[in-house]
Structure formats: structure tokens, C-alpha cells
Amino acid sequence: MRRLAVAGALALMASGCLSRTPLTTGSIDASTPADTARRDVGRLAARYEKDPADIGVAMAYAQALRATDQGPQAAAVLQQTALRNPKNPAVLAAYGKSLAEIGRFGEAAEVLRNAHSPASPDWRVLSAQGAVADQMGDHPQAQRYYEAALRIVPGEPAVMSNLGLSYALAKRLPEAEATLRQATADPRADGRVRQNLALVLGLQGRFGEAEQVLTRDLGPAEAAQNVAALRATMSQPNAWKAMRSAEKAAPPRAGASAMAASAM
């Protein structure tokens, strides 16, 4: 869905952030098209039932489940895989992200902590930890995770996008805008990063600029619809409080909002 779901627009895990991106750590790439996943899920289920100890099969099966909006089932598969492979960082990272995707943030934080190795740090795991911390309301800690990730991959637009949204959640909008402008200037940045910049511009009341940024990827009509929705929300009393309450109350659905963090 590319139409902006305003109440969830500031939820960093929607989507893209925790799972639906080619940058996800490990073998799970829930960006697999849903029709392909639906075609494969039965075959993978049979293979997994035959040999649940096969890590590759378990990860592929979980990928198909997540791509077909069966997040709890994917988490259950990855839980068993993690129990069999408690030292495998790719399995733990995938499991932690699957937990976060279904709103089990405390458990996700613990699993991701175990997936991280200071001796061999993974910027994607650090970014995932940041997204979970943001969902739990600890924005300073989230920003420390993103900054640690950026020390490994300086200027990585996916992490910069997450950091910018974290600043937005903390109402540090000028810093959010500056960070997202830097991210969008990178040739590697995709439409999600630009949409996050548009969101922050809209939150500052600069709706014309936001619409201009959105038009590049969504087209004029869809960009106008998104900005109109954001304008309507921001005009309501206690708009920030309402959006933050929605962020905490609703577990993110992958792909549910166009304006979500880019990657983990």
C-alpha cells in the first residue's frame, strides 16, 4: 500500500524497517512478491515438516510466511530454529525481527541483543535494535544504535532514514529534516527515504514541499492524497499525542505504510 496511513506513519517498524527490505540480515527477504510466496509456502511447509533442523529450509519457510502476512507463524518457526541454533547470528537476527514485526518488542530486543557480536558487529542488527528501541519509546538509545551502525557504514541511507525518523519521533524536526536530506542526496536512497523526508516536511507544516518530494515516486494524484491526509491529521487537536499513541498501540504490518523506515 502506497497510500499513507497517517496514524501509523511514525511507526518505525512498519514495514520496511524490520523486514520488508533486501537489506534484512540473514536469508529472510520478505520483499519476495506475495504471489511467489503463496506459490512456495506449501512446498516449503512440506520440506520444513520433513526436516525442521534444516536452517536454510526453515529460513525460507519463515520468509514465505512473512511475505504472506503470517507473522506469528513465521516467528514460531524461527523460534524453533533459534532454539536449535542458539549461537547462529543470522537466525537470531531473523527471529528478533520477526518478533518485532508482530509487536513483541521486549522479546525482540533480547533476541537481537544476543544476535549482536561486538567482535563482529553487523550494522543491520544495530539498526534493527534501534528500530525496536524507538518502538519502545527509548529514542536516545535508538539513536545510539543508529550512530553505531553508521560508524560501520558511514552515510548508509537506510540507517540515516531510520535515524531521521527517530529524531522526528523525539520532536527534533530540524535535525530529522537535515538527516533525511543527507540520506536522500545519496544515490543509493530509494523512494522510501524520500517519503520519510516528505513526512517530516509535512510535520513542520510545509505541505507544498512535502507534496513535491512525494510526486517523484507516487505521481501527482497519490502525492496529493497523502499530503491531504497528513494535513488533516496535523490540523486536529493533540495531533502528536494521537500519532504517538497509535504508534505504540498498533504492531506494525510490513508494507502497511509508505512512509516507514527504510531498512534495518
C-alpha atoms as a PDB file:
ATOM      1  CA  MET A   1       0.000   0.000   0.000  1.00  0.00           C
ATOM      2  CA  ARG A   2       1.491   3.323  -1.021  1.00  0.00           C
ATOM      3  CA  ARG A   3      -1.325   5.404   0.460  1.00  0.00           C
ATOM      4  CA  LEU A   4      -0.105   6.987   3.674  1.00  0.00           C
ATOM      5  CA  ALA A   5      -1.665   5.572   6.823  1.00  0.00           C
ATOM      6  CA  VAL A   6      -1.213   8.728   8.855  1.00  0.00           C
ATOM      7  CA  ALA A   7      -1.778   7.281  12.306  1.00  0.00           C
ATOM      8  CA  GLY A   8       1.000   4.798  11.725  1.00  0.00           C
ATOM      9  CA  ALA A   9       3.287   6.972   9.690  1.00  0.00           C
ATOM     10  CA  LEU A  10       5.748   7.456  12.509  1.00  0.00           C
ATOM     11  CA  ALA A  11       5.929   3.792  13.449  1.00  0.00           C
ATOM     12  CA  LEU A  12       9.491   2.925  12.569  1.00  0.00           C
ATOM     13  CA  MET A  13       8.931  -0.760  12.100  1.00  0.00           C
ATOM     14  CA  ALA A  14       6.381  -0.885   9.645  1.00  0.00           C
ATOM     15  CA  SER A  15       7.385  -2.022   7.330  1.00  0.00           C
ATOM     16  CA  GLY A  16      10.121  -1.652   5.630  1.00  0.00           C
ATOM     17  CA  CYS A  17      12.252  -1.327   8.596  1.00  0.00           C
ATOM     18  CA  LEU A  18      12.013  -4.630  10.231  1.00  0.00           C
ATOM     19  CA  SER A  19      11.629  -6.993   7.399  1.00  0.00           C
ATOM     20  CA  ARG A  20      10.434  -5.980   4.008  1.00  0.00           C
ATOM     21  CA  THR A  21      13.720  -4.945   2.551  1.00  0.00           C
ATOM     22  CA  PRO A  22      16.559  -6.628   0.678  1.00  0.00           C
ATOM     23  CA  LEU A  23      18.892  -5.341   3.401  1.00  0.00           C
ATOM     24  CA  THR A  24      17.485  -7.621   6.076  1.00  0.00           C
ATOM     25  CA  THR A  25      20.143  -9.615   7.888  1.00  0.00           C
ATOM     26  CA  GLY A  26      20.206 -13.321   7.216  1.00  0.00           C
ATOM     27  CA  SER A  27      18.449 -15.227   4.474  1.00  0.00           C
ATOM     28  CA  ILE A  28      14.993 -13.845   5.072  1.00  0.00           C
ATOM     29  CA  ASP A  29      13.950 -11.343   2.486  1.00  0.00           C
ATOM     30  CA  ALA A  30      10.265 -10.754   2.988  1.00  0.00           C
ATOM     31  CA  SER A  31      10.246  -8.469  -0.006  1.00  0.00           C
ATOM     32  CA  THR A  32       9.504 -11.622  -2.006  1.00  0.00           C
ATOM     33  CA  PRO A  33       6.351 -10.967  -4.031  1.00  0.00           C
ATOM     34  CA  ALA A  34       3.266 -12.279  -2.274  1.00  0.00           C
ATOM     35  CA  ASP A  35       2.159 -14.355  -5.266  1.00  0.00           C
ATOM     36  CA  THR A  36       5.549 -16.080  -5.371  1.00  0.00           C
ATOM     37  CA  ALA A  37       5.423 -16.666  -1.617  1.00  0.00           C
ATOM     38  CA  ARG A  38       1.891 -18.088  -1.813  1.00  0.00           C
ATOM     39  CA  ARG A  39       3.045 -20.451  -4.514  1.00  0.00           C
ATOM     40  CA  ASP A  40       6.049 -21.589  -2.472  1.00  0.00           C
ATOM     41  CA  VAL A  41       4.662 -21.703   1.052  1.00  0.00           C
ATOM     42  CA  GLY A  42       3.020 -25.122   0.752  1.00  0.00           C
ATOM     43  CA  ARG A  43       6.120 -26.694  -0.762  1.00  0.00           C
ATOM     44  CA  LEU A  44       8.322 -25.146   1.909  1.00  0.00           C
ATOM     45  CA  ALA A  45       5.952 -26.235   4.661  1.00  0.00           C
ATOM     46  CA  ALA A  46       6.291 -29.845   3.480  1.00  0.00           C
ATOM     47  CA  ARG A  47      10.077 -29.593   3.359  1.00  0.00           C
ATOM     48  CA  TYR A  48      10.175 -27.996   6.806  1.00  0.00           C
ATOM     49  CA  GLU A  49       7.930 -30.689   8.285  1.00  0.00           C
ATOM     50  CA  LYS A  50      10.202 -33.355   6.796  1.00  0.00           C
ATOM     51  CA  ASP A  51      13.385 -31.799   8.181  1.00  0.00           C
ATOM     52  CA  PRO A  52      12.813 -28.913  10.626  1.00  0.00           C
ATOM     53  CA  ALA A  53      16.511 -28.882  11.526  1.00  0.00           C
ATOM     54  CA  ASP A  54      17.499 -27.647   8.058  1.00  0.00           C
ATOM     55  CA  ILE A  55      18.322 -23.982   8.652  1.00  0.00           C
ATOM     56  CA  GLY A  56      18.009 -22.982   5.011  1.00  0.00           C
ATOM     57  CA  VAL A  57      14.571 -24.534   4.670  1.00  0.00           C
ATOM     58  CA  ALA A  58      13.377 -23.028   7.961  1.00  0.00           C
ATOM     59  CA  MET A  59      14.558 -19.551   6.969  1.00  0.00           C
ATOM     60  CA  ALA A  60      12.971 -19.828   3.516  1.00  0.00           C
ATOM     61  CA  TYR A  61       9.719 -21.086   5.018  1.00  0.00           C
ATOM     62  CA  ALA A  62       9.650 -18.214   7.507  1.00  0.00           C
ATOM     63  CA  GLN A  63      10.315 -15.819   4.635  1.00  0.00           C
ATOM     64  CA  ALA A  64       7.311 -17.148   2.744  1.00  0.00           C
ATOM     65  CA  LEU A  65       5.127 -16.933   5.848  1.00  0.00           C
ATOM     66  CA  ARG A  66       6.107 -13.328   6.497  1.00  0.00           C
ATOM     67  CA  ALA A  67       5.590 -12.394   2.866  1.00  0.00           C
ATOM     68  CA  THR A  68       2.039 -13.760   3.083  1.00  0.00           C
ATOM     69  CA  ASP A  69       1.238 -11.871   6.308  1.00  0.00           C
ATOM     70  CA  GLN A  70       1.590 -14.878   8.580  1.00  0.00           C
ATOM     71  CA  GLY A  71       3.912 -13.176  11.032  1.00  0.00           C
ATOM     72  CA  PRO A  72       3.070 -15.196  14.169  1.00  0.00           C
ATOM     73  CA  GLN A  73       3.612 -18.457  12.298  1.00  0.00           C
ATOM     74  CA  ALA A  74       6.944 -17.189  10.961  1.00  0.00           C
ATOM     75  CA  ALA A  75       8.026 -16.245  14.473  1.00  0.00           C
ATOM     76  CA  ALA A  76       7.110 -19.721  15.717  1.00  0.00           C
ATOM     77  CA  VAL A  77       9.207 -21.365  13.005  1.00  0.00           C
ATOM     78  CA  LEU A  78      12.153 -19.099  13.737  1.00  0.00           C
ATOM     79  CA  GLN A  79      11.797 -19.671  17.470  1.00  0.00           C
ATOM     80  CA  GLN A  80      12.314 -23.389  16.966  1.00  0.00           C
ATOM     81  CA  THR A  81      15.209 -22.728  14.607  1.00  0.00           C
ATOM     82  CA  ALA A  82      16.801 -20.400  17.149  1.00  0.00           C
ATOM     83  CA  LEU A  83      16.416 -22.985  19.894  1.00  0.00           C
ATOM     84  CA  ARG A  84      18.280 -25.460  17.712  1.00  0.00           C
ATOM     85  CA  ASN A  85      20.906 -22.887  16.717  1.00  0.00           C
ATOM     86  CA  PRO A  86      21.320 -20.537  19.700  1.00  0.00           C
ATOM     87  CA  LYS A  87      24.692 -19.222  18.507  1.00  0.00           C
ATOM     88  CA  ASN A  88      23.754 -18.545  14.885  1.00  0.00           C
ATOM     89  CA  PRO A  89      23.611 -14.751  14.486  1.00  0.00           C
ATOM     90  CA  ALA A  90      21.674 -14.817  11.197  1.00  0.00           C
ATOM     91  CA  VAL A  91      18.961 -17.000  12.729  1.00  0.00           C
ATOM     92  CA  LEU A  92      18.791 -14.851  15.855  1.00  0.00           C
ATOM     93  CA  ALA A  93      18.624 -11.667  13.801  1.00  0.00           C
ATOM     94  CA  ALA A  94      15.783 -13.031  11.672  1.00  0.00           C
ATOM     95  CA  TYR A  95      13.938 -14.244  14.761  1.00  0.00           C
ATOM     96  CA  GLY A  96      14.350 -10.915  16.536  1.00  0.00           C
ATOM     97  CA  LYS A  97      12.989  -9.024  13.549  1.00  0.00           C
ATOM     98  CA  SER A  98      10.042 -11.395  13.232  1.00  0.00           C
ATOM     99  CA  LEU A  99       9.177 -10.789  16.891  1.00  0.00           C
ATOM    100  CA  ALA A 100       9.359  -7.044  16.411  1.00  0.00           C
ATOM    101  CA  GLU A 101       7.180  -7.273  13.325  1.00  0.00           C
ATOM    102  CA  ILE A 102       4.341  -8.765  15.389  1.00  0.00           C
ATOM    103  CA  GLY A 103       4.735  -6.284  18.226  1.00  0.00           C
ATOM    104  CA  ARG A 104       6.681  -8.390  20.737  1.00  0.00           C
ATOM    105  CA  PHE A 105       9.248  -5.674  21.241  1.00  0.00           C
ATOM    106  CA  GLY A 106      10.701  -6.687  24.606  1.00  0.00           C
ATOM    107  CA  GLU A 107      11.443 -10.190  23.364  1.00  0.00           C
ATOM    108  CA  ALA A 108      12.767  -8.805  20.108  1.00  0.00           C
ATOM    109  CA  ALA A 109      15.203  -6.565  21.957  1.00  0.00           C
ATOM    110  CA  GLU A 110      16.551  -9.513  23.948  1.00  0.00           C
ATOM    111  CA  VAL A 111      16.962 -11.754  20.911  1.00  0.00           C
ATOM    112  CA  LEU A 112      18.637  -9.019  18.864  1.00  0.00           C
ATOM    113  CA  ARG A 113      20.979  -8.344  21.757  1.00  0.00           C
ATOM    114  CA  ASN A 114      22.102 -11.971  21.545  1.00  0.00           C
ATOM    115  CA  ALA A 115      22.429 -11.700  17.761  1.00  0.00           C
ATOM    116  CA  HIS A 116      24.904  -8.844  18.085  1.00  0.00           C
ATOM    117  CA  SER A 117      28.589  -9.601  18.484  1.00  0.00           C
ATOM    118  CA  PRO A 118      30.881  -6.704  19.451  1.00  0.00           C
ATOM    119  CA  ALA A 119      33.756  -8.653  17.910  1.00  0.00           C
ATOM    120  CA  SER A 120      31.947  -8.818  14.562  1.00  0.00           C
ATOM    121  CA  PRO A 121      29.300  -6.087  14.579  1.00  0.00           C
ATOM    122  CA  ASP A 122      26.520  -6.169  11.983  1.00  0.00           C
ATOM    123  CA  TRP A 123      25.132  -2.756  11.074  1.00  0.00           C
ATOM    124  CA  ARG A 124      21.788  -4.290  10.102  1.00  0.00           C
ATOM    125  CA  VAL A 125      21.366  -5.801  13.561  1.00  0.00           C
ATOM    126  CA  LEU A 126      22.320  -2.489  15.159  1.00  0.00           C
ATOM    127  CA  SER A 127      19.748  -0.698  13.012  1.00  0.00           C
ATOM    128  CA  ALA A 128      17.143  -3.306  13.958  1.00  0.00           C
ATOM    129  CA  GLN A 129      17.942  -2.726  17.627  1.00  0.00           C
ATOM    130  CA  GLY A 130      17.452   0.978  17.049  1.00  0.00           C
ATOM    131  CA  ALA A 131      14.056   0.441  15.467  1.00  0.00           C
ATOM    132  CA  VAL A 132      12.940  -1.709  18.400  1.00  0.00           C
ATOM    133  CA  ALA A 133      14.176   0.888  20.896  1.00  0.00           C
ATOM    134  CA  ASP A 134      12.218   3.568  19.028  1.00  0.00           C
ATOM    135  CA  GLN A 135       9.065   1.457  19.205  1.00  0.00           C
ATOM    136  CA  MET A 136       9.604   1.105  22.947  1.00  0.00           C
ATOM    137  CA  GLY A 137       9.906   4.882  23.271  1.00  0.00           C
ATOM    138  CA  ASP A 138      13.628   4.993  24.067  1.00  0.00           C
ATOM    139  CA  HIS A 139      14.689   7.372  21.316  1.00  0.00           C
ATOM    140  CA  PRO A 140      18.097   8.327  22.783  1.00  0.00           C
ATOM    141  CA  GLN A 141      19.076   4.647  22.922  1.00  0.00           C
ATOM    142  CA  ALA A 142      17.715   4.103  19.417  1.00  0.00           C
ATOM    143  CA  GLN A 143      19.862   6.943  18.126  1.00  0.00           C
ATOM    144  CA  ARG A 144      22.941   5.438  19.765  1.00  0.00           C
ATOM    145  CA  TYR A 145      22.284   2.195  17.900  1.00  0.00           C
ATOM    146  CA  TYR A 146      21.916   4.031  14.589  1.00  0.00           C
ATOM    147  CA  GLU A 147      25.079   6.015  15.229  1.00  0.00           C
ATOM    148  CA  ALA A 148      26.945   2.773  15.961  1.00  0.00           C
ATOM    149  CA  ALA A 149      25.652   1.337  12.683  1.00  0.00           C
ATOM    150  CA  LEU A 150      26.780   4.450  10.815  1.00  0.00           C
ATOM    151  CA  ARG A 151      30.292   4.058  12.177  1.00  0.00           C
ATOM    152  CA  ILE A 152      30.385   0.775  10.256  1.00  0.00           C
ATOM    153  CA  VAL A 153      28.627   2.034   7.108  1.00  0.00           C
ATOM    154  CA  PRO A 154      29.032   5.837   7.052  1.00  0.00           C
ATOM    155  CA  GLY A 155      26.221   7.603   5.244  1.00  0.00           C
ATOM    156  CA  GLU A 156      24.182   4.430   4.598  1.00  0.00           C
ATOM    157  CA  PRO A 157      20.825   5.950   3.558  1.00  0.00           C
ATOM    158  CA  ALA A 158      18.734   3.193   5.124  1.00  0.00           C
ATOM    159  CA  VAL A 159      20.224   3.849   8.559  1.00  0.00           C
ATOM    160  CA  MET A 160      20.189   7.614   8.038  1.00  0.00           C
ATOM    161  CA  SER A 161      16.488   7.338   7.236  1.00  0.00           C
ATOM    162  CA  ASN A 162      15.837   5.433  10.454  1.00  0.00           C
ATOM    163  CA  LEU A 163      17.844   7.997  12.407  1.00  0.00           C
ATOM    164  CA  GLY A 164      15.900  10.836  10.834  1.00  0.00           C
ATOM    165  CA  LEU A 165      12.594   9.268  11.799  1.00  0.00           C
ATOM    166  CA  SER A 166      13.898   8.680  15.308  1.00  0.00           C
ATOM    167  CA  TYR A 167      14.603  12.398  15.583  1.00  0.00           C
ATOM    168  CA  ALA A 168      11.078  13.051  14.318  1.00  0.00           C
ATOM    169  CA  LEU A 169       9.611  10.782  16.982  1.00  0.00           C
ATOM    170  CA  ALA A 170      11.549  12.789  19.554  1.00  0.00           C
ATOM    171  CA  LYS A 171      10.132  16.031  18.027  1.00  0.00           C
ATOM    172  CA  ARG A 172      13.580  17.103  16.872  1.00  0.00           C
ATOM    173  CA  LEU A 173      12.235  18.041  13.457  1.00  0.00           C
ATOM    174  CA  PRO A 174      15.056  20.277  12.141  1.00  0.00           C
ATOM    175  CA  GLU A 175      17.567  17.511  12.869  1.00  0.00           C
ATOM    176  CA  ALA A 176      15.214  14.977  11.315  1.00  0.00           C
ATOM    177  CA  GLU A 177      14.966  17.049   8.153  1.00  0.00           C
ATOM    178  CA  ALA A 178      18.722  17.612   7.899  1.00  0.00           C
ATOM    179  CA  THR A 179      19.412  13.891   8.363  1.00  0.00           C
ATOM    180  CA  LEU A 180      16.827  12.850   5.803  1.00  0.00           C
ATOM    181  CA  ARG A 181      18.039  15.418   3.277  1.00  0.00           C
ATOM    182  CA  GLN A 182      21.511  13.955   3.613  1.00  0.00           C
ATOM    183  CA  ALA A 183      20.053  10.469   3.119  1.00  0.00           C
ATOM    184  CA  THR A 184      18.061  11.442   0.034  1.00  0.00           C
ATOM    185  CA  ALA A 185      21.141  13.026  -1.547  1.00  0.00           C
ATOM    186  CA  ASP A 186      22.796   9.612  -1.621  1.00  0.00           C
ATOM    187  CA  PRO A 187      22.332   7.853  -4.992  1.00  0.00           C
ATOM    188  CA  ARG A 188      21.515   4.619  -3.129  1.00  0.00           C
ATOM    189  CA  ALA A 189      18.430   6.142  -1.483  1.00  0.00           C
ATOM    190  CA  ASP A 190      15.118   4.785  -2.692  1.00  0.00           C
ATOM    191  CA  GLY A 191      11.591   6.160  -2.630  1.00  0.00           C
ATOM    192  CA  ARG A 192      11.003   5.197   0.988  1.00  0.00           C
ATOM    193  CA  VAL A 193      13.746   7.543   2.138  1.00  0.00           C
ATOM    194  CA  ARG A 194      12.251  10.405   0.123  1.00  0.00           C
ATOM    195  CA  GLN A 195       8.805   9.632   1.526  1.00  0.00           C
ATOM    196  CA  ASN A 196      10.219   9.876   5.042  1.00  0.00           C
ATOM    197  CA  LEU A 197      11.602  13.310   4.178  1.00  0.00           C
ATOM    198  CA  ALA A 198       8.174  14.314   2.885  1.00  0.00           C
ATOM    199  CA  LEU A 199       6.618  13.164   6.146  1.00  0.00           C
ATOM    200  CA  VAL A 200       8.985  15.321   8.204  1.00  0.00           C
ATOM    201  CA  LEU A 201       8.349  18.317   5.948  1.00  0.00           C
ATOM    202  CA  GLY A 202       4.623  17.813   6.423  1.00  0.00           C
ATOM    203  CA  LEU A 203       5.021  17.575  10.183  1.00  0.00           C
ATOM    204  CA  GLN A 204       6.570  21.052  10.008  1.00  0.00           C
ATOM    205  CA  GLY A 205       3.594  22.348   8.062  1.00  0.00           C
ATOM    206  CA  ARG A 206       5.498  22.574   4.783  1.00  0.00           C
ATOM    207  CA  PHE A 207       2.918  20.635   2.822  1.00  0.00           C
ATOM    208  CA  GLY A 208       3.804  22.072  -0.589  1.00  0.00           C
ATOM    209  CA  GLU A 209       7.383  20.890  -0.268  1.00  0.00           C
ATOM    210  CA  ALA A 210       6.210  17.519   1.012  1.00  0.00           C
ATOM    211  CA  GLU A 211       3.933  17.053  -1.982  1.00  0.00           C
ATOM    212  CA  GLN A 212       6.730  17.984  -4.359  1.00  0.00           C
ATOM    213  CA  VAL A 213       9.017  15.337  -2.835  1.00  0.00           C
ATOM    214  CA  LEU A 214       6.286  12.692  -2.955  1.00  0.00           C
ATOM    215  CA  THR A 215       5.382  13.372  -6.562  1.00  0.00           C
ATOM    216  CA  ARG A 216       8.697  11.964  -7.756  1.00  0.00           C
ATOM    217  CA  ASP A 217       7.753   8.431  -6.670  1.00  0.00           C
ATOM    218  CA  LEU A 218       3.976   8.409  -6.258  1.00  0.00           C
ATOM    219  CA  GLY A 219       2.749  10.703  -9.003  1.00  0.00           C
ATOM    220  CA  PRO A 220       0.746  13.914  -8.551  1.00  0.00           C
ATOM    221  CA  ALA A 221      -2.623  12.420  -7.585  1.00  0.00           C
ATOM    222  CA  GLU A 222      -1.305   9.979  -4.999  1.00  0.00           C
ATOM    223  CA  ALA A 223       1.112  12.549  -3.585  1.00  0.00           C
ATOM    224  CA  ALA A 224      -1.764  14.998  -3.141  1.00  0.00           C
ATOM    225  CA  GLN A 225      -3.857  12.341  -1.347  1.00  0.00           C
ATOM    226  CA  ASN A 226      -1.040  11.548   1.068  1.00  0.00           C
ATOM    227  CA  VAL A 227      -0.396  15.179   1.878  1.00  0.00           C
ATOM    228  CA  ALA A 228      -4.106  15.898   2.311  1.00  0.00           C
ATOM    229  CA  ALA A 229      -4.335  13.043   4.819  1.00  0.00           C
ATOM    230  CA  LEU A 230      -1.319  14.299   6.731  1.00  0.00           C
ATOM    231  CA  ARG A 231      -2.621  17.876   6.691  1.00  0.00           C
ATOM    232  CA  ALA A 232      -5.967  16.712   8.079  1.00  0.00           C
ATOM    233  CA  THR A 233      -4.286  14.806  10.887  1.00  0.00           C
ATOM    234  CA  MET A 234      -1.947  17.635  11.822  1.00  0.00           C
ATOM    235  CA  SER A 235      -4.876  20.063  11.999  1.00  0.00           C
ATOM    236  CA  GLN A 236      -6.519  18.050  14.780  1.00  0.00           C
ATOM    237  CA  PRO A 237      -6.013  18.931  18.459  1.00  0.00           C
ATOM    238  CA  ASN A 238      -3.248  16.905  20.096  1.00  0.00           C
ATOM    239  CA  ALA A 239      -2.149  15.511  16.730  1.00  0.00           C
ATOM    240  CA  TRP A 240       1.276  14.472  18.004  1.00  0.00           C
ATOM    241  CA  LYS A 241      -0.214  12.720  21.011  1.00  0.00           C
ATOM    242  CA  ALA A 242      -2.648  10.826  18.800  1.00  0.00           C
ATOM    243  CA  MET A 243       0.071   9.684  16.409  1.00  0.00           C
ATOM    244  CA  ARG A 244       2.370   8.584  19.214  1.00  0.00           C
ATOM    245  CA  SER A 245      -0.490   6.638  20.838  1.00  0.00           C
ATOM    246  CA  ALA A 246      -1.199   4.922  17.517  1.00  0.00           C
ATOM    247  CA  GLU A 247       2.475   4.115  17.126  1.00  0.00           C
ATOM    248  CA  LYS A 248       2.592   2.370  20.499  1.00  0.00           C
ATOM    249  CA  ALA A 249      -0.759   0.629  20.196  1.00  0.00           C
ATOM    250  CA  ALA A 250      -0.541  -0.962  16.776  1.00  0.00           C
ATOM    251  CA  PRO A 251       2.039  -3.628  15.916  1.00  0.00           C
ATOM    252  CA  PRO A 252       3.481  -2.745  12.524  1.00  0.00           C
ATOM    253  CA  ARG A 253       2.477  -4.628   9.426  1.00  0.00           C
ATOM    254  CA  ALA A 254       5.131  -4.977   6.822  1.00  0.00           C
ATOM    255  CA  GLY A 255       4.319  -2.772   3.909  1.00  0.00           C
ATOM    256  CA  ALA A 256       1.470  -1.079   5.776  1.00  0.00           C
ATOM    257  CA  SER A 257       2.727   2.451   5.335  1.00  0.00           C
ATOM    258  CA  ALA A 258       4.537   4.113   2.520  1.00  0.00           C
ATOM    259  CA  MET A 259       6.294   6.402   4.963  1.00  0.00           C
ATOM    260  CA  ALA A 260       8.160   3.984   7.121  1.00  0.00           C
ATOM    261  CA  ALA A 261      11.765   3.372   7.937  1.00  0.00           C
ATOM    262  CA  SER A 262      13.744   2.047   5.053  1.00  0.00           C
ATOM    263  CA  ALA A 263      15.702  -0.835   6.444  1.00  0.00           C
ATOM    264  CA  MET A 264      17.336  -2.488   9.350  1.00  0.00           C
END
